[in-house]
Amino acid sequence: MGDIRPDTADLPQAEQAALLVRTPNGPTEPNEAQLLTDLFGDPNADGIFGVVADGGTDA
């Protein structure tokens, strides 16, 4: 098996970021960008999607 995940609940953000590793897996949806656009509308200039497009919640 792989390494045991550390408990990051109390780590500062910089230390949490240092634990991130790149993996070979990609998006689980074939067209993730379209799915996100359908749910949240167009992303802003930074590529960040906002609230749910219909004004509801995502739950």
Protein backbone atom coordinates (compact mmCIF):
# COMPACT_ATOMS: atom_id res chain seq x y z
CA MET A 1 0.00 0.00 0.00
CA GLY A 2 0.95 3.65 -0.21
CA ASP A 3 2.08 5.99 2.48
CA ILE A 4 -0.26 6.71 5.36
CA ARG A 5 -1.87 10.12 4.97
CA PRO A 6 -0.80 12.55 7.67
CA ASP A 7 -3.39 14.38 9.74
CA THR A 8 -3.32 17.84 8.20
CA ALA A 9 -6.11 19.43 10.23
CA ASP A 10 -3.75 21.60 12.28
CA LEU A 11 -0.99 22.20 9.72
CA PRO A 12 -0.41 25.68 8.32
CA GLN A 13 -1.47 26.09 4.70
CA ALA A 14 2.13 26.20 3.42
CA GLU A 15 2.87 22.84 5.05
CA GLN A 16 -0.34 21.37 3.63
CA ALA A 17 0.67 22.59 0.16
CA ALA A 18 4.06 20.90 0.53
CA LEU A 19 2.27 17.55 0.94
CA LEU A 20 0.49 17.79 -2.43
CA VAL A 21 1.75 15.40 -5.07
CA ARG A 22 0.94 15.19 -8.78
CA THR A 23 -0.89 12.02 -9.79
CA PRO A 24 -1.33 10.44 -13.21
CA ASN A 25 -5.12 10.42 -12.99
CA GLY A 26 -7.05 13.22 -14.65
CA PRO A 27 -10.60 14.47 -14.34
CA THR A 28 -13.20 11.81 -13.61
CA GLU A 29 -15.63 13.44 -16.04
CA PRO A 30 -14.86 13.32 -19.78
CA ASN A 31 -15.81 17.00 -20.17
CA GLU A 32 -15.31 18.42 -16.70
CA ALA A 33 -15.16 22.05 -17.85
CA GLN A 34 -18.61 21.78 -19.50
CA LEU A 35 -20.06 20.05 -16.44
CA LEU A 36 -18.76 22.82 -14.18
CA THR A 37 -20.07 25.49 -16.56
CA ASP A 38 -23.49 23.83 -16.57
CA LEU A 39 -23.53 23.76 -12.77
CA PHE A 40 -21.90 27.09 -11.96
CA GLY A 41 -21.98 29.21 -15.11
CA ASP A 42 -18.89 30.59 -16.81
CA PRO A 43 -15.70 30.84 -14.75
CA ASN A 44 -14.28 34.24 -13.86
CA ALA A 45 -11.06 35.62 -15.39
CA ASP A 46 -9.02 33.43 -13.02
CA GLY A 47 -10.81 30.25 -14.12
CA ILE A 48 -12.73 29.99 -10.84
CA PHE A 49 -16.32 28.81 -11.01
CA GLY A 50 -18.80 30.60 -8.76
CA VAL A 51 -22.13 29.77 -7.21
CA VAL A 52 -24.56 27.24 -8.60
CA ALA A 53 -26.01 28.69 -11.84
CA ASP A 54 -29.67 28.29 -10.77
CA GLY A 55 -29.01 30.19 -7.54
CA GLY A 56 -29.52 27.11 -5.38
CA THR A 57 -26.95 25.10 -3.55
CA ASP A 58 -24.85 22.28 -4.91
CA ALA A 59 -26.09 19.87 -2.24
